[in-house]
């Protein structure tokens, strides 16, 4: 009970003090005396190159299709051939598996690149362009390499012959190709 009485006295005293200090407040400043709010400089809008982005996405998709087709064709035509990235696709993936894997990787990469390119940070935008360019370069290198494997078979051996248990084979690019 003593604590409640003490608290009541403290609150009452603070209310009396607040009433006395209200009468001592200075006059409010006029409109001319009010400080102006500091204005932040307007941020420049991020320039997003829509045509360049979608053109690069289309080139990436075309390169992925060419890479999938040439990889799958080499595996079908040459029985000893195999996928170099078997940890990702499997040892002898189907054409559908190539397309599904490329769709996930390239679709995710394009989406991430899209968000990075809309960033206000220049480094993030540079990373977005680099990511998209890297995807294009990866698939372009893949289908050119796969096509050059055909050229090696058609126009003569250019690589070393290696003896395996299954017979003589040539290691060419991503594939182990027979010497037939």
C-alpha atoms as a PDB file:
ATOM      1  CA  UNK A   1       0.000   0.000   0.000  1.00  0.00           C
ATOM      2  CA  UNK A   2       2.895   2.286   0.741  1.00  0.00           C
ATOM      3  CA  UNK A   3       4.347   1.691  -2.726  1.00  0.00           C
ATOM      4  CA  UNK A   4       1.052   2.590  -4.414  1.00  0.00           C
ATOM      5  CA  UNK A   5       0.825   5.809  -2.429  1.00  0.00           C
ATOM      6  CA  UNK A   6       4.397   6.734  -3.362  1.00  0.00           C
ATOM      7  CA  UNK A   7       3.738   6.122  -7.046  1.00  0.00           C
ATOM      8  CA  UNK A   8       0.556   8.222  -6.882  1.00  0.00           C
ATOM      9  CA  UNK A   9       2.498  11.102  -5.353  1.00  0.00           C
ATOM     10  CA  UNK A  10       5.201  10.868  -8.041  1.00  0.00           C
ATOM     11  CA  UNK A  11       2.630  10.951 -10.863  1.00  0.00           C
ATOM     12  CA  UNK A  12       0.765  13.858  -9.320  1.00  0.00           C
ATOM     13  CA  UNK A  13       3.957  15.850  -8.847  1.00  0.00           C
ATOM     14  CA  UNK A  14       5.016  15.253 -12.434  1.00  0.00           C
ATOM     15  CA  UNK A  15       1.605  16.432 -13.678  1.00  0.00           C
ATOM     16  CA  UNK A  16       1.900  19.685 -11.667  1.00  0.00           C
ATOM     17  CA  UNK A  17       5.417  20.235 -13.041  1.00  0.00           C
ATOM     18  CA  UNK A  18       4.209  19.634 -16.624  1.00  0.00           C
ATOM     19  CA  UNK A  19       1.442  22.245 -16.195  1.00  0.00           C
ATOM     20  CA  UNK A  20       3.905  24.810 -14.950  1.00  0.00           C
ATOM     21  CA  UNK A  21       6.360  24.213 -17.821  1.00  0.00           C
ATOM     22  CA  UNK A  22       3.574  24.568 -20.450  1.00  0.00           C
ATOM     23  CA  UNK A  23       3.193  28.221 -19.533  1.00  0.00           C
ATOM     24  CA  UNK A  24       6.918  28.790 -20.127  1.00  0.00           C
ATOM     25  CA  UNK A  25       7.035  27.507 -23.740  1.00  0.00           C
ATOM     26  CA  UNK A  26       8.294  29.978 -26.370  1.00  0.00           C
ATOM     27  CA  UNK A  27       6.098  31.218 -29.176  1.00  0.00           C
ATOM     28  CA  UNK A  28       5.857  28.993 -32.238  1.00  0.00           C
ATOM     29  CA  UNK A  29       8.076  30.060 -35.156  1.00  0.00           C
ATOM     30  CA  UNK A  30       6.431  31.748 -38.115  1.00  0.00           C
ATOM     31  CA  UNK A  31       6.470  30.335 -41.633  1.00  0.00           C
ATOM     32  CA  UNK A  32       9.551  32.390 -42.541  1.00  0.00           C
ATOM     33  CA  UNK A  33      11.531  31.090 -39.602  1.00  0.00           C
ATOM     34  CA  UNK A  34      10.795  27.374 -40.125  1.00  0.00           C
ATOM     35  CA  UNK A  35      13.741  25.421 -41.456  1.00  0.00           C
ATOM     36  CA  UNK A  36      13.268  24.054 -44.941  1.00  0.00           C
ATOM     37  CA  UNK A  37      13.415  20.306 -45.239  1.00  0.00           C
ATOM     38  CA  UNK A  38      16.618  19.134 -46.808  1.00  0.00           C
ATOM     39  CA  UNK A  39      15.863  17.742 -50.219  1.00  0.00           C
ATOM     40  CA  UNK A  40      17.728  14.664 -51.330  1.00  0.00           C
ATOM     41  CA  UNK A  41      19.016  14.797 -54.866  1.00  0.00           C
ATOM     42  CA  UNK A  42      16.800  12.800 -57.179  1.00  0.00           C
ATOM     43  CA  UNK A  43      18.249   9.396 -57.935  1.00  0.00           C
ATOM     44  CA  UNK A  44      18.813   8.743 -61.584  1.00  0.00           C
ATOM     45  CA  UNK A  45      16.659   6.029 -63.010  1.00  0.00           C
ATOM     46  CA  UNK A  46      18.341   2.739 -63.864  1.00  0.00           C
ATOM     47  CA  UNK A  47      18.685   2.364 -67.606  1.00  0.00           C
ATOM     48  CA  UNK A  48      17.552  -1.123 -68.582  1.00  0.00           C
ATOM     49  CA  UNK A  49      18.385  -2.083 -72.149  1.00  0.00           C
ATOM     50  CA  UNK A  50      15.316  -4.159 -72.922  1.00  0.00           C
ATOM     51  CA  UNK A  51      16.185  -4.995 -76.538  1.00  0.00           C
ATOM     52  CA  UNK A  52      19.753  -5.994 -75.700  1.00  0.00           C
ATOM     53  CA  UNK A  53      18.593  -8.151 -72.789  1.00  0.00           C
ATOM     54  CA  UNK A  54      15.934 -10.061 -74.710  1.00  0.00           C
ATOM     55  CA  UNK A  55      18.207 -10.447 -77.725  1.00  0.00           C
ATOM     56  CA  UNK A  56      20.859 -11.992 -75.493  1.00  0.00           C
ATOM     57  CA  UNK A  57      18.255 -14.273 -73.881  1.00  0.00           C
ATOM     58  CA  UNK A  58      17.146 -15.411 -77.361  1.00  0.00           C
ATOM     59  CA  UNK A  59      20.760 -16.066 -78.405  1.00  0.00           C
ATOM     60  CA  UNK A  60      21.250 -18.043 -75.190  1.00  0.00           C
ATOM     61  CA  UNK A  61      18.152 -20.141 -75.893  1.00  0.00           C
ATOM     62  CA  UNK A  62      19.255 -20.820 -79.495  1.00  0.00           C
ATOM     63  CA  UNK A  63      22.747 -21.805 -78.307  1.00  0.00           C
ATOM     64  CA  UNK A  64      21.255 -24.100 -75.662  1.00  0.00           C
ATOM     65  CA  UNK A  65      19.091 -25.817 -78.281  1.00  0.00           C
ATOM     66  CA  UNK A  66      22.091 -26.254 -80.604  1.00  0.00           C
ATOM     67  CA  UNK A  67      24.200 -27.569 -77.713  1.00  0.00           C
ATOM     68  CA  UNK A  68      21.513 -30.065 -76.660  1.00  0.00           C
ATOM     69  CA  UNK A  69      20.904 -31.275 -80.212  1.00  0.00           C
ATOM     70  CA  UNK A  70      24.571 -31.761 -81.094  1.00  0.00           C
ATOM     71  CA  UNK A  71      25.362 -33.445 -77.761  1.00  0.00           C
ATOM     72  CA  UNK A  72      22.436 -35.828 -78.075  1.00  0.00           C
ATOM     73  CA  UNK A  73      23.246 -36.529 -81.751  1.00  0.00           C
ATOM     74  CA  UNK A  74      26.847 -37.455 -80.921  1.00  0.00           C
ATOM     75  CA  UNK A  75      25.680 -39.815 -78.199  1.00  0.00           C
ATOM     76  CA  UNK A  76      23.199 -41.511 -80.528  1.00  0.00           C
ATOM     77  CA  UNK A  77      25.574 -41.829 -83.464  1.00  0.00           C
ATOM     78  CA  UNK A  78      28.685 -42.974 -81.583  1.00  0.00           C
ATOM     79  CA  UNK A  79      28.081 -45.760 -79.092  1.00  0.00           C
ATOM     80  CA  UNK A  80      31.283 -45.104 -77.134  1.00  0.00           C
ATOM     81  CA  UNK A  81      30.576 -41.409 -76.688  1.00  0.00           C
ATOM     82  CA  UNK A  82      29.430 -40.008 -73.371  1.00  0.00           C
ATOM     83  CA  UNK A  83      28.532 -36.703 -71.810  1.00  0.00           C
ATOM     84  CA  UNK A  84      31.483 -34.952 -70.181  1.00  0.00           C
ATOM     85  CA  UNK A  85      29.194 -33.300 -67.589  1.00  0.00           C
ATOM     86  CA  UNK A  86      27.662 -36.610 -66.553  1.00  0.00           C
ATOM     87  CA  UNK A  87      27.422 -35.412 -62.940  1.00  0.00           C
ATOM     88  CA  UNK A  88      24.789 -32.932 -64.141  1.00  0.00           C
ATOM     89  CA  UNK A  89      22.951 -34.675 -66.970  1.00  0.00           C
ATOM     90  CA  UNK A  90      23.674 -38.360 -66.411  1.00  0.00           C
ATOM     91  CA  UNK A  91      26.007 -40.575 -68.429  1.00  0.00           C
ATOM     92  CA  UNK A  92      23.767 -40.832 -71.503  1.00  0.00           C
ATOM     93  CA  UNK A  93      20.921 -38.340 -71.020  1.00  0.00           C
ATOM     94  CA  UNK A  94      17.871 -38.169 -73.238  1.00  0.00           C
ATOM     95  CA  UNK A  95      17.129 -35.133 -75.359  1.00  0.00           C
ATOM     96  CA  UNK A  96      14.319 -34.189 -72.964  1.00  0.00           C
ATOM     97  CA  UNK A  97      16.720 -34.251 -70.039  1.00  0.00           C
ATOM     98  CA  UNK A  98      19.078 -31.915 -71.887  1.00  0.00           C
ATOM     99  CA  UNK A  99      16.220 -29.503 -72.579  1.00  0.00           C
ATOM    100  CA  UNK A 100      14.862 -29.677 -69.029  1.00  0.00           C
ATOM    101  CA  UNK A 101      18.282 -29.107 -67.475  1.00  0.00           C
ATOM    102  CA  UNK A 102      19.093 -26.236 -69.827  1.00  0.00           C
ATOM    103  CA  UNK A 103      15.680 -24.670 -69.208  1.00  0.00           C
ATOM    104  CA  UNK A 104      16.232 -24.664 -65.446  1.00  0.00           C
ATOM    105  CA  UNK A 105      19.825 -23.409 -65.633  1.00  0.00           C
ATOM    106  CA  UNK A 106      19.282 -20.811 -68.357  1.00  0.00           C
ATOM    107  CA  UNK A 107      15.851 -19.726 -67.140  1.00  0.00           C
ATOM    108  CA  UNK A 108      17.167 -19.221 -63.624  1.00  0.00           C
ATOM    109  CA  UNK A 109      20.231 -17.431 -64.950  1.00  0.00           C
ATOM    110  CA  UNK A 110      18.119 -15.124 -67.116  1.00  0.00           C
ATOM    111  CA  UNK A 111      15.796 -14.338 -64.188  1.00  0.00           C
ATOM    112  CA  UNK A 112      18.703 -13.596 -61.871  1.00  0.00           C
ATOM    113  CA  UNK A 113      20.342 -11.496 -64.578  1.00  0.00           C
ATOM    114  CA  UNK A 114      17.078  -9.572 -65.095  1.00  0.00           C
ATOM    115  CA  UNK A 115      16.939  -8.655 -61.408  1.00  0.00           C
ATOM    116  CA  UNK A 116      20.620  -7.745 -61.276  1.00  0.00           C
ATOM    117  CA  UNK A 117      20.238  -5.491 -64.326  1.00  0.00           C
ATOM    118  CA  UNK A 118      17.499  -3.527 -62.544  1.00  0.00           C
ATOM    119  CA  UNK A 119      19.765  -2.824 -59.568  1.00  0.00           C
ATOM    120  CA  UNK A 120      20.922   0.694 -58.721  1.00  0.00           C
ATOM    121  CA  UNK A 121      24.421  -0.667 -58.116  1.00  0.00           C
ATOM    122  CA  UNK A 122      26.697  -0.641 -61.133  1.00  0.00           C
ATOM    123  CA  UNK A 123      28.609  -3.711 -59.950  1.00  0.00           C
ATOM    124  CA  UNK A 124      25.373  -5.722 -59.748  1.00  0.00           C
ATOM    125  CA  UNK A 125      24.399  -4.637 -63.264  1.00  0.00           C
ATOM    126  CA  UNK A 126      27.832  -5.662 -64.552  1.00  0.00           C
ATOM    127  CA  UNK A 127      27.388  -9.054 -62.867  1.00  0.00           C
ATOM    128  CA  UNK A 128      23.984  -9.415 -64.575  1.00  0.00           C
ATOM    129  CA  UNK A 129      25.466  -8.835 -68.030  1.00  0.00           C
ATOM    130  CA  UNK A 130      28.397 -11.140 -67.237  1.00  0.00           C
ATOM    131  CA  UNK A 131      26.068 -13.907 -66.077  1.00  0.00           C
ATOM    132  CA  UNK A 132      23.985 -13.754 -69.227  1.00  0.00           C
ATOM    133  CA  UNK A 133      27.054 -13.521 -71.452  1.00  0.00           C
ATOM    134  CA  UNK A 134      28.611 -16.473 -69.657  1.00  0.00           C
ATOM    135  CA  UNK A 135      25.568 -18.638 -70.338  1.00  0.00           C
ATOM    136  CA  UNK A 136      25.722 -17.751 -74.029  1.00  0.00           C
ATOM    137  CA  UNK A 137      29.463 -18.455 -74.154  1.00  0.00           C
ATOM    138  CA  UNK A 138      29.055 -21.811 -72.406  1.00  0.00           C
ATOM    139  CA  UNK A 139      26.442 -23.114 -74.843  1.00  0.00           C
ATOM    140  CA  UNK A 140      28.154 -21.646 -77.893  1.00  0.00           C
ATOM    141  CA  UNK A 141      31.388 -23.364 -76.913  1.00  0.00           C
ATOM    142  CA  UNK A 142      29.409 -26.573 -76.366  1.00  0.00           C
ATOM    143  CA  UNK A 143      27.764 -26.784 -79.758  1.00  0.00           C
ATOM    144  CA  UNK A 144      30.893 -25.669 -81.614  1.00  0.00           C
ATOM    145  CA  UNK A 145      32.874 -28.315 -79.746  1.00  0.00           C
ATOM    146  CA  UNK A 146      30.238 -30.944 -80.509  1.00  0.00           C
ATOM    147  CA  UNK A 147      30.188 -29.973 -84.190  1.00  0.00           C
ATOM    148  CA  UNK A 148      33.983 -30.124 -84.339  1.00  0.00           C
ATOM    149  CA  UNK A 149      33.774 -33.687 -83.029  1.00  0.00           C
ATOM    150  CA  UNK A 150      31.814 -34.515 -86.210  1.00  0.00           C
ATOM    151  CA  UNK A 151      34.455 -32.796 -88.325  1.00  0.00           C
ATOM    152  CA  UNK A 152      37.212 -34.799 -86.638  1.00  0.00           C
ATOM    153  CA  UNK A 153      35.459 -38.058 -87.411  1.00  0.00           C
ATOM    154  CA  UNK A 154      34.621 -37.047 -90.986  1.00  0.00           C
ATOM    155  CA  UNK A 155      37.917 -35.473 -91.990  1.00  0.00           C
ATOM    156  CA  UNK A 156      40.492 -37.668 -90.266  1.00  0.00           C
ATOM    157  CA  UNK A 157      42.039 -38.192 -86.866  1.00  0.00           C
ATOM    158  CA  UNK A 158      43.581 -35.108 -85.367  1.00  0.00           C
ATOM    159  CA  UNK A 159      43.873 -36.395 -81.814  1.00  0.00           C
ATOM    160  CA  UNK A 160      45.820 -39.237 -80.238  1.00  0.00           C
ATOM    161  CA  UNK A 161      44.574 -42.806 -80.378  1.00  0.00           C
ATOM    162  CA  UNK A 162      43.984 -44.413 -76.997  1.00  0.00           C
ATOM    163  CA  UNK A 163      43.630 -48.168 -76.389  1.00  0.00           C
ATOM    164  CA  UNK A 164      40.718 -49.064 -74.089  1.00  0.00           C
ATOM    165  CA  UNK A 165      39.244 -52.419 -73.107  1.00  0.00           C
ATOM    166  CA  UNK A 166      36.463 -51.921 -75.657  1.00  0.00           C
ATOM    167  CA  UNK A 167      38.921 -51.292 -78.500  1.00  0.00           C
ATOM    168  CA  UNK A 168      40.764 -48.346 -79.975  1.00  0.00           C
ATOM    169  CA  UNK A 169      39.032 -45.024 -79.422  1.00  0.00           C
ATOM    170  CA  UNK A 170      39.866 -41.388 -79.834  1.00  0.00           C
ATOM    171  CA  UNK A 171      39.291 -38.842 -77.083  1.00  0.00           C
ATOM    172  CA  UNK A 172      37.761 -35.804 -78.797  1.00  0.00           C
ATOM    173  CA  UNK A 173      36.421 -32.845 -76.886  1.00  0.00           C
ATOM    174  CA  UNK A 174      33.521 -33.877 -74.717  1.00  0.00           C
ATOM    175  CA  UNK A 175      33.293 -37.325 -76.224  1.00  0.00           C
ATOM    176  CA  UNK A 176      35.082 -40.618 -76.448  1.00  0.00           C
ATOM    177  CA  UNK A 177      34.651 -41.505 -80.122  1.00  0.00           C
ATOM    178  CA  UNK A 178      35.342 -44.878 -81.781  1.00  0.00           C
ATOM    179  CA  UNK A 179      37.835 -45.146 -84.642  1.00  0.00           C
ATOM    180  CA  UNK A 180      35.394 -46.981 -86.951  1.00  0.00           C
END
